[in-house]
Amino acid sequence: MQKKLNLFDLVSIGVGCIIGSGVFALMGIGINFAGRGITLALFLAMGLCVLQSISLPLLTRIFEVEGGEYTANSLICPPLVTGFSVGRDLVFRAGSQAVTALALASYLGMVIPALANHPKISSMVVMTLAFLAVLGGDKLAAQVQNVMCIFMYAALGLFVIFGMINMDPAAYAGEPMLPNGTTGLIMAIALMSYTCNGFQYVVNMGKSADKPTRNIPLAFCLSALVGAVIYGLIGFSATHAYSYASIAGTNLGGIAEKMMPHSLYLFFLVGGAIFALSTSMVGGIISGYRPLMTCARDGWLPKILSKRTQKGDVPYVYAVLYVIAAVAIIAGLDLGDVATICLFPGAIQKVLVNLYAMTVPNRYAREWKASGMKLSLGLYRVLLVISSIAAAILGYFYFTSNSSLQWLMLAVTAGIIVYDVMVVRFGHVDISAKKEYIENNG
């Protein structure tokens, strides 16, 4: 019998999903918006991300399912809302690959200056190599990931240590904590919420976890707490050694160059940034294709995407992820643009899911009673209302943080809705999870 994942295992997975490409890709842009207030922005972003995702630990306390968020949504939501979640997931996963590829290209340009003048080409090359790398199988990719993660944590530890050593209050004396005011803080929160995501992926562990209805919700909360502390240390270290003017818009690599000896700076670039971004690309591909294959089997995506090639055992869904990410890169969108566009539909999805989650105690009375959840029905619904408010706030921040992107956010969201309606109207959707759980209206 395969050994179950305990609470420590689940927290490690959650923290590992949080700490990765986002901190290297977007922290510098966030500092440009919020200055030394980036630490506050990170804590607020993490808090809002946790609140907007409250339905996940609550639902995994009630249902013991495989398939994570998609399966939970498919149990409680009508087809149109479930389909919207599928479309949002596809856009988010492909968009994440684009964000990571763009960031990786920028760090490669710091190591090899000749590449700095060709960001689109570099981004396409690194993304192509990442997709080729996973063709060797999940096990090989996971082994490489584990080694690279050790270097990543070491690099971030060095960054915090040198940031504390070089802390100089005189460098920023007289500067406001929020150089761009409340507007800058809102823009930073919107952007950093992308970086804070990851803790919720522990819900995908389903039946692989020991005592899942207890440990998964607990790991959800603990992962977010640990991630927030780590991000707080990094944000503080990045902004308290130099003036805002000297680091605004500079990524962590540029700040590390100022504070570290050259040899350690190179280690930070390669062992930290480049390895972290590489692991995020490969890990995102490996973790992303299975839920999408499940969606294809249920009928939300073309059936062929639920299959693999006969000779290479390669999932066909890789091609879709690659193409959508390539479009974002070729279109010339920057890191913040891609992240914001991907997050906006997610905020809408959270509000919709929370509304339907409120009816679970009545619709699944047996599972609600068997969960042993020590929450009154009233408190359960209050938490979901708070979650909806947090999601709405984040959605507002996403939409207002960049006025030039508003039409694109609306277009992407509308495209997801149109596809969703077409599948429900003309396709054949069969939710496999509902065969295990049957609504009990008694």
Protein backbone atom coordinates (compact mmCIF):
# COMPACT_ATOMS: atom_id res chain seq x y z
CA MET A 1 0.00 0.00 0.00
CA GLN A 2 1.34 3.45 -0.96
CA LYS A 3 2.23 5.62 2.04
CA LYS A 4 -0.17 8.49 2.61
CA LEU A 5 0.97 12.12 2.75
CA ASN A 6 0.99 13.46 6.31
CA LEU A 7 0.43 17.06 7.41
CA PHE A 8 4.14 17.95 7.14
CA ASP A 9 4.26 16.56 3.60
CA LEU A 10 1.22 18.58 2.60
CA VAL A 11 2.58 21.82 4.08
CA SER A 12 5.90 21.26 2.28
CA ILE A 13 4.05 20.84 -1.00
CA GLY A 14 1.98 23.97 -0.38
CA VAL A 15 4.98 26.14 0.51
CA GLY A 16 6.90 24.76 -2.45
CA CYS A 17 4.06 25.80 -4.76
CA ILE A 18 4.03 29.33 -3.32
CA ILE A 19 7.77 30.02 -3.33
CA GLY A 20 8.94 29.86 -6.91
CA SER A 21 8.88 31.84 -10.10
CA GLY A 22 6.53 34.56 -8.90
CA VAL A 23 8.95 36.06 -6.40
CA PHE A 24 11.71 36.27 -9.02
CA ALA A 25 9.41 37.32 -11.84
CA LEU A 26 7.23 40.00 -10.26
CA MET A 27 8.77 41.29 -7.02
CA GLY A 28 10.70 44.04 -8.83
CA ILE A 29 7.56 45.28 -10.58
CA GLY A 30 5.73 45.27 -7.26
CA ILE A 31 8.50 47.34 -5.65
CA ASN A 32 8.15 49.83 -8.49
CA PHE A 33 4.48 50.26 -7.53
CA ALA A 34 4.68 50.19 -3.73
CA GLY A 35 8.29 50.88 -2.73
CA ARG A 36 9.01 49.79 0.83
CA GLY A 37 5.29 49.15 1.16
CA ILE A 38 5.81 45.95 -0.85
CA THR A 39 5.93 44.00 2.43
CA LEU A 40 2.50 45.35 3.36
CA ALA A 41 1.26 44.59 -0.17
CA LEU A 42 2.48 41.01 0.12
CA PHE A 43 0.73 40.40 3.44
CA LEU A 44 -2.50 41.96 2.18
CA ALA A 45 -2.30 40.01 -1.07
CA MET A 46 -1.75 36.75 0.79
CA GLY A 47 -4.61 37.51 3.16
CA LEU A 48 -7.01 38.27 0.32
CA CYS A 49 -5.90 35.16 -1.59
CA VAL A 50 -6.58 32.98 1.47
CA LEU A 51 -9.96 34.58 2.09
CA GLN A 52 -11.12 34.28 -1.52
CA SER A 53 -10.22 30.58 -1.51
CA ILE A 54 -11.94 29.67 1.77
CA SER A 55 -14.44 27.47 -0.05
CA LEU A 56 -11.65 25.03 -0.99
CA PRO A 57 -10.68 23.84 2.53
CA LEU A 58 -14.34 23.85 3.54
CA LEU A 59 -15.36 21.70 0.59
CA THR A 60 -12.41 19.31 1.00
CA ARG A 61 -13.51 18.91 4.62
CA ILE A 62 -16.91 17.77 3.33
CA PHE A 63 -15.89 15.83 0.20
CA GLU A 64 -12.96 13.42 -0.08
CA VAL A 65 -12.25 13.71 -3.79
CA GLU A 66 -9.57 13.33 -6.42
CA GLY A 67 -9.20 16.14 -8.94
CA GLY A 68 -8.97 19.01 -6.49
CA GLU A 69 -10.68 22.29 -7.28
CA TYR A 70 -12.25 21.17 -10.56
CA THR A 71 -13.90 18.14 -8.94
CA ALA A 72 -15.21 20.17 -5.99
CA ASN A 73 -16.62 22.81 -8.33
CA SER A 74 -18.26 20.18 -10.53
CA LEU A 75 -20.06 18.69 -7.51
CA ILE A 76 -21.65 21.90 -6.27
CA CYS A 77 -21.99 24.15 -9.33
CA PRO A 78 -24.27 23.98 -12.37
CA PRO A 79 -22.62 23.13 -15.71
CA LEU A 80 -22.20 26.74 -16.85
CA VAL A 81 -20.24 27.69 -13.72
CA THR A 82 -18.17 24.50 -13.85
CA GLY A 83 -17.36 25.17 -17.49
CA PHE A 84 -16.30 28.73 -16.68
CA SER A 85 -13.91 27.30 -14.06
CA VAL A 86 -12.43 24.98 -16.68
CA GLY A 87 -11.84 27.83 -19.13
CA ARG A 88 -10.30 29.99 -16.45
CA ASP A 89 -8.00 27.13 -15.41
CA LEU A 90 -6.79 26.63 -18.97
CA VAL A 91 -6.04 30.35 -19.42
CA PHE A 92 -4.33 30.60 -16.01
CA ARG A 93 -2.09 27.58 -16.55
CA ALA A 94 -1.02 28.66 -20.02
CA GLY A 95 -0.58 32.25 -18.86
CA SER A 96 1.63 31.08 -15.99
CA GLN A 97 3.94 29.45 -18.52
CA ALA A 98 4.17 32.73 -20.43
CA VAL A 99 4.93 34.72 -17.26
CA THR A 100 7.67 32.30 -16.26
CA ALA A 101 9.21 32.18 -19.74
CA LEU A 102 9.34 35.99 -19.93
CA ALA A 103 10.96 36.23 -16.51
CA LEU A 104 13.46 33.47 -17.25
CA ALA A 105 14.48 35.24 -20.46
CA SER A 106 15.12 38.47 -18.51
CA TYR A 107 17.41 36.68 -16.04
CA LEU A 108 19.23 34.87 -18.84
CA GLY A 109 19.85 38.30 -20.34
CA MET A 110 21.62 39.29 -17.12
CA VAL A 111 23.93 36.27 -17.40
CA ILE A 112 24.35 36.46 -21.20
CA PRO A 113 23.95 40.14 -22.18
CA ALA A 114 23.58 39.33 -25.89
CA LEU A 115 20.19 37.74 -25.13
CA ALA A 116 18.82 40.84 -23.43
CA ASN A 117 17.97 42.47 -26.78
CA HIS A 118 15.83 39.56 -27.94
CA PRO A 119 13.31 38.87 -25.12
CA LYS A 120 10.59 37.32 -27.31
CA ILE A 121 12.96 34.91 -29.01
CA SER A 122 14.61 33.98 -25.71
CA SER A 123 11.22 33.45 -24.05
CA MET A 124 10.00 31.19 -26.86
CA VAL A 125 13.23 29.16 -26.78
CA VAL A 126 13.17 28.57 -23.00
CA MET A 127 9.47 27.69 -23.07
CA THR A 128 10.05 25.23 -25.91
CA LEU A 129 12.94 23.62 -24.01
CA ALA A 130 10.73 23.27 -20.91
CA PHE A 131 8.04 21.44 -22.89
CA LEU A 132 10.68 19.21 -24.47
CA ALA A 133 12.15 18.48 -21.02
CA VAL A 134 8.92 16.96 -19.68
CA LEU A 135 8.86 14.45 -22.53
CA GLY A 136 11.35 12.41 -20.49
CA GLY A 137 8.59 11.61 -18.00
CA ASP A 138 7.33 12.91 -14.67
CA LYS A 139 9.80 10.98 -12.52
CA LEU A 140 12.92 12.37 -14.22
CA ALA A 141 11.50 15.89 -14.15
CA ALA A 142 10.65 15.54 -10.43
CA GLN A 143 14.19 14.41 -9.58
CA VAL A 144 15.67 17.42 -11.36
CA GLN A 145 13.12 19.66 -9.63
CA ASN A 146 14.16 18.48 -6.16
CA VAL A 147 17.82 19.31 -6.76
CA MET A 148 17.04 22.74 -8.22
CA CYS A 149 14.76 23.60 -5.29
CA ILE A 150 17.63 23.16 -2.84
CA PHE A 151 19.63 25.79 -4.74
CA MET A 152 16.59 28.08 -4.91
CA TYR A 153 16.04 28.08 -1.14
CA ALA A 154 19.76 28.61 -0.54
CA ALA A 155 19.77 31.59 -2.91
CA LEU A 156 16.75 33.19 -1.26
CA GLY A 157 18.32 32.64 2.15
CA LEU A 158 21.46 34.47 0.99
CA PHE A 159 19.33 37.31 -0.34
CA VAL A 160 17.63 37.79 3.04
CA ILE A 161 20.94 37.58 4.94
CA PHE A 162 22.71 40.16 2.74
CA GLY A 163 19.63 42.36 2.74
CA MET A 164 19.70 42.47 6.54
CA ILE A 165 23.47 43.03 6.61
CA ASN A 166 23.19 45.95 4.18
CA MET A 167 20.10 47.50 5.78
CA ASP A 168 20.64 51.28 5.77
CA PRO A 169 17.88 53.57 7.13
CA ALA A 170 19.82 56.60 5.87
CA ALA A 171 19.44 55.40 2.28
CA TYR A 172 15.68 55.90 2.34
CA ALA A 173 15.38 58.56 5.04
CA GLY A 174 12.66 61.02 4.15
CA GLU A 175 11.11 58.79 1.49
CA PRO A 176 7.44 57.87 1.90
CA MET A 177 6.75 54.18 2.45
CA LEU A 178 4.28 54.28 -0.45
CA PRO A 179 5.86 56.51 -3.13
CA ASN A 180 2.85 56.07 -5.44
CA GLY A 181 0.27 56.31 -2.70
CA THR A 182 -2.80 54.11 -2.37
CA THR A 183 -2.95 53.58 -6.12
CA GLY A 184 0.51 52.05 -6.11
CA LEU A 185 -0.39 49.84 -3.16
CA ILE A 186 -3.50 48.55 -4.96
CA MET A 187 -1.49 47.81 -8.11
CA ALA A 188 1.12 45.96 -6.04
CA ILE A 189 -1.54 43.92 -4.21
CA ALA A 190 -3.12 42.93 -7.53
CA LEU A 191 0.23 41.85 -8.94
CA MET A 192 1.54 40.15 -5.81
CA SER A 193 -1.60 38.04 -5.50
CA TYR A 194 -0.26 36.08 -8.47
CA THR A 195 2.94 35.47 -6.50
CA CYS A 196 0.98 34.42 -3.40
CA ASN A 197 -1.00 31.70 -5.15
CA GLY A 198 0.03 28.08 -4.68
CA PHE A 199 -1.03 27.11 -1.15
CA GLN A 200 -4.46 26.07 -2.47
CA TYR A 201 -2.93 23.35 -4.66
CA VAL A 202 -2.76 21.04 -1.65
CA VAL A 203 -6.46 20.38 -2.24
CA ASN A 204 -5.38 18.44 -5.33
CA MET A 205 -3.83 15.78 -3.09
CA GLY A 206 -7.29 14.33 -2.45
CA LYS A 207 -7.16 10.69 -1.49
CA SER A 208 -3.34 10.65 -1.47
CA ALA A 209 -3.42 12.43 1.90
CA ASP A 210 -3.69 10.88 5.34
CA LYS A 211 -6.84 12.10 7.09
CA PRO A 212 -7.64 14.39 4.13
CA THR A 213 -10.72 16.06 5.58
CA ARG A 214 -8.55 17.27 8.50
CA ASN A 215 -5.03 17.64 7.11
CA ILE A 216 -5.79 19.29 3.77
CA PRO A 217 -7.66 22.29 5.26
CA LEU A 218 -4.98 22.62 7.96
CA ALA A 219 -2.16 22.43 5.39
CA PHE A 220 -3.99 25.04 3.31
CA CYS A 221 -3.78 27.55 6.18
CA LEU A 222 -0.28 26.67 7.42
CA SER A 223 1.22 26.82 3.91
CA ALA A 224 -0.15 30.32 3.40
CA LEU A 225 1.20 31.45 6.79
CA VAL A 226 4.71 30.11 6.15
CA GLY A 227 4.71 31.55 2.62
CA ALA A 228 3.66 34.98 3.91
CA VAL A 229 6.51 35.03 6.46
CA ILE A 230 9.09 34.07 3.81
CA TYR A 231 7.79 36.66 1.37
CA GLY A 232 7.74 39.29 4.09
CA LEU A 233 11.44 38.69 4.80
CA ILE A 234 12.32 38.87 1.11
CA GLY A 235 10.28 42.04 0.56
CA PHE A 236 11.79 43.74 3.61
CA SER A 237 15.35 42.76 2.62
CA ALA A 238 14.86 44.00 -0.94
CA THR A 239 13.66 47.47 0.04
CA HIS A 240 15.58 48.49 3.16
CA ALA A 241 19.15 48.70 1.89
CA TYR A 242 18.83 51.27 -0.91
CA SER A 243 16.72 54.25 -1.91
CA TYR A 244 13.54 53.76 -3.90
CA ALA A 245 15.01 55.57 -6.93
CA SER A 246 17.91 53.13 -7.14
CA ILE A 247 15.81 49.93 -7.07
CA ALA A 248 12.42 50.91 -8.58
CA GLY A 249 11.62 48.50 -11.40
CA THR A 250 14.70 46.41 -10.65
CA ASN A 251 14.15 42.66 -10.25
CA LEU A 252 15.67 40.67 -7.40
CA GLY A 253 18.71 39.88 -9.53
CA GLY A 254 19.53 43.56 -9.95
CA ILE A 255 19.14 44.18 -6.22
CA ALA A 256 21.27 41.11 -5.41
CA GLU A 257 24.03 42.49 -7.66
CA LYS A 258 24.18 45.58 -5.48
CA MET A 259 24.41 43.77 -2.16
CA MET A 260 26.33 40.54 -2.85
CA PRO A 261 29.91 39.69 -3.84
CA HIS A 262 30.08 38.88 -7.56
CA SER A 263 30.49 35.13 -7.08
CA LEU A 264 27.46 34.90 -4.79
CA TYR A 265 25.51 37.16 -7.14
CA LEU A 266 26.15 34.71 -9.99
CA PHE A 267 25.06 31.87 -7.72
CA PHE A 268 21.87 33.82 -6.96
CA LEU A 269 21.16 34.32 -10.66
CA VAL A 270 21.81 30.75 -11.75
CA GLY A 271 21.08 28.68 -8.65
CA GLY A 272 18.26 30.91 -7.49
CA ALA A 273 16.42 32.77 -10.21
CA ILE A 274 17.11 30.61 -13.26
CA PHE A 275 16.68 27.32 -11.38
CA ALA A 276 13.50 28.54 -9.66
CA LEU A 277 11.96 29.71 -12.90
CA SER A 278 12.98 26.49 -14.64
CA THR A 279 11.42 24.34 -11.94
CA SER A 280 8.25 26.42 -12.05
CA MET A 281 7.96 25.98 -15.80
CA VAL A 282 8.51 22.24 -15.69
CA GLY A 283 6.41 21.80 -12.53
CA GLY A 284 3.59 23.87 -13.97
CA ILE A 285 3.46 21.69 -17.07
CA ILE A 286 3.53 18.44 -15.10
CA SER A 287 0.91 19.52 -12.56
CA GLY A 288 -1.29 21.24 -15.12
CA TYR A 289 -1.98 18.59 -17.69
CA ARG A 290 -3.78 16.02 -15.50
CA PRO A 291 -6.69 18.27 -14.40
CA LEU A 292 -7.12 19.39 -18.00
CA MET A 293 -7.17 15.77 -19.20
CA THR A 294 -9.90 15.11 -16.62
CA CYS A 295 -11.84 18.07 -17.98
CA ALA A 296 -11.48 16.64 -21.48
CA ARG A 297 -12.75 13.23 -20.33
CA ASP A 298 -15.79 14.93 -18.80
CA GLY A 299 -16.46 16.69 -22.10
CA TRP A 300 -15.37 20.29 -21.40
CA LEU A 301 -12.46 20.15 -23.80
CA PRO A 302 -12.09 18.17 -27.05
CA LYS A 303 -11.90 14.46 -26.27
CA ILE A 304 -8.55 14.14 -28.01
CA LEU A 305 -7.00 16.21 -25.21
CA SER A 306 -7.72 13.37 -22.79
CA LYS A 307 -5.38 11.10 -24.77
CA ARG A 308 -1.65 10.60 -25.15
CA THR A 309 0.51 9.78 -28.13
CA GLN A 310 0.95 6.05 -28.73
CA LYS A 311 4.74 6.07 -29.00
CA GLY A 312 5.87 8.81 -26.65
CA ASP A 313 3.04 8.69 -24.10
CA VAL A 314 2.90 12.48 -24.43
CA PRO A 315 -0.40 14.19 -23.45
CA TYR A 316 -1.99 16.03 -26.36
CA VAL A 317 -3.04 18.81 -24.00
CA TYR A 318 0.60 19.99 -23.94
CA ALA A 319 0.05 21.45 -27.40
CA VAL A 320 -2.83 23.65 -26.22
CA LEU A 321 -0.88 24.97 -23.22
CA TYR A 322 2.09 25.73 -25.46
CA VAL A 323 0.07 27.58 -28.11
CA ILE A 324 -1.83 29.83 -25.65
CA ALA A 325 1.40 30.73 -23.83
CA ALA A 326 3.14 31.43 -27.14
CA VAL A 327 0.36 33.84 -28.17
CA ALA A 328 0.86 35.86 -24.96
CA ILE A 329 4.61 36.07 -25.57
CA ILE A 330 4.38 36.96 -29.26
CA ALA A 331 1.73 39.60 -28.52
CA GLY A 332 4.37 41.48 -26.54
CA LEU A 333 2.58 41.46 -23.19
CA ASP A 334 4.83 42.03 -20.19
CA LEU A 335 4.92 40.07 -16.95
CA GLY A 336 2.41 42.18 -15.08
CA ASP A 337 0.00 42.24 -18.02
CA VAL A 338 -0.12 38.46 -18.41
CA ALA A 339 -0.50 37.90 -14.67
CA THR A 340 -3.36 40.41 -14.33
CA ILE A 341 -5.25 39.09 -17.37
CA CYS A 342 -5.04 35.53 -16.02
CA LEU A 343 -6.21 36.50 -12.52
CA PHE A 344 -9.29 38.56 -13.40
CA PRO A 345 -11.52 35.62 -14.51
CA GLY A 346 -10.39 33.73 -11.41
CA ALA A 347 -11.87 36.37 -9.11
CA ILE A 348 -15.22 36.06 -10.88
CA GLN A 349 -15.04 32.28 -10.57
CA LYS A 350 -14.44 32.46 -6.81
CA VAL A 351 -17.55 34.59 -6.25
CA LEU A 352 -19.72 32.19 -8.26
CA VAL A 353 -18.37 29.09 -6.51
CA ASN A 354 -18.94 30.65 -3.08
CA LEU A 355 -22.59 31.34 -3.91
CA TYR A 356 -23.24 27.71 -4.77
CA ALA A 357 -21.14 26.44 -1.84
CA MET A 358 -23.66 28.04 0.52
CA THR A 359 -26.25 25.42 -0.49
CA VAL A 360 -23.99 22.41 0.18
CA PRO A 361 -25.26 21.66 3.75
CA ASN A 362 -28.78 21.23 2.36
CA ARG A 363 -27.93 19.52 -0.92
CA TYR A 364 -25.37 17.12 0.59
CA ALA A 365 -26.82 16.70 4.06
CA ARG A 366 -25.23 13.28 4.66
CA GLU A 367 -21.71 14.45 3.75
CA TRP A 368 -22.12 17.65 5.78
CA LYS A 369 -23.05 15.67 8.88
CA ALA A 370 -20.33 13.05 8.37
CA SER A 371 -17.58 15.69 7.93
CA GLY A 372 -17.60 16.48 11.65
CA MET A 373 -16.91 20.11 10.82
CA LYS A 374 -17.29 22.17 13.98
CA LEU A 375 -18.96 25.10 12.25
CA SER A 376 -22.53 26.24 12.60
CA LEU A 377 -24.44 26.67 9.38
CA GLY A 378 -24.52 30.40 10.00
CA LEU A 379 -20.74 30.72 10.49
CA TYR A 380 -20.12 28.55 7.42
CA ARG A 381 -22.13 30.95 5.29
CA VAL A 382 -20.58 34.04 6.88
CA LEU A 383 -17.13 32.71 5.92
CA LEU A 384 -18.29 32.26 2.35
CA VAL A 385 -19.66 35.81 2.28
CA ILE A 386 -16.28 37.10 3.51
CA SER A 387 -14.60 35.00 0.83
CA SER A 388 -16.84 36.50 -1.85
CA ILE A 389 -16.03 40.02 -0.67
CA ALA A 390 -12.28 39.27 -0.80
CA ALA A 391 -12.61 37.86 -4.32
CA ALA A 392 -14.61 40.91 -5.41
CA ILE A 393 -11.95 43.24 -3.95
CA LEU A 394 -9.19 41.42 -5.81
CA GLY A 395 -11.25 41.44 -9.00
CA TYR A 396 -11.69 45.22 -8.62
CA PHE A 397 -7.95 45.65 -8.04
CA TYR A 398 -7.13 43.59 -11.14
CA PHE A 399 -9.55 45.55 -13.30
CA THR A 400 -8.49 49.02 -12.12
CA SER A 401 -4.74 48.41 -11.79
CA ASN A 402 -4.16 48.86 -15.54
CA SER A 403 -6.78 50.74 -17.57
CA SER A 404 -5.14 49.81 -20.87
CA LEU A 405 -5.74 46.12 -20.17
CA GLN A 406 -9.41 46.35 -19.21
CA TRP A 407 -10.70 45.58 -22.69
CA LEU A 408 -8.41 42.53 -22.90
CA MET A 409 -9.51 41.25 -19.49
CA LEU A 410 -13.13 41.57 -20.56
CA ALA A 411 -12.41 39.95 -23.93
CA VAL A 412 -10.70 36.94 -22.33
CA THR A 413 -13.53 36.56 -19.80
CA ALA A 414 -16.15 36.87 -22.56
CA GLY A 415 -14.30 34.29 -24.64
CA ILE A 416 -14.37 31.82 -21.75
CA ILE A 417 -18.11 32.39 -21.28
CA VAL A 418 -18.89 31.94 -25.00
CA TYR A 419 -16.90 28.70 -25.15
CA ASP A 420 -18.60 27.49 -21.95
CA VAL A 421 -22.08 28.17 -23.33
CA MET A 422 -21.26 26.47 -26.64
CA VAL A 423 -20.00 23.31 -24.89
CA VAL A 424 -23.06 23.08 -22.63
CA ARG A 425 -25.43 23.74 -25.54
CA PHE A 426 -23.88 21.54 -28.23
CA GLY A 427 -21.44 19.23 -26.45
CA HIS A 428 -21.83 16.21 -24.21
CA VAL A 429 -20.73 16.84 -20.62
CA ASP A 430 -20.71 13.96 -18.15
CA ILE A 431 -19.36 14.86 -14.67
CA SER A 432 -17.66 11.71 -13.43
CA ALA A 433 -17.43 12.90 -9.79
CA LYS A 434 -21.21 13.01 -9.46
CA LYS A 435 -21.34 9.24 -9.79
CA GLU A 436 -19.65 9.01 -6.38
CA TYR A 437 -21.65 11.72 -4.62
CA ILE A 438 -25.40 11.96 -5.12
CA GLU A 439 -27.20 15.02 -3.81
CA ASN A 440 -29.35 14.32 -0.77
CA ASN A 441 -32.09 16.87 -0.51
CA GLY A 442 -33.33 15.39 2.72
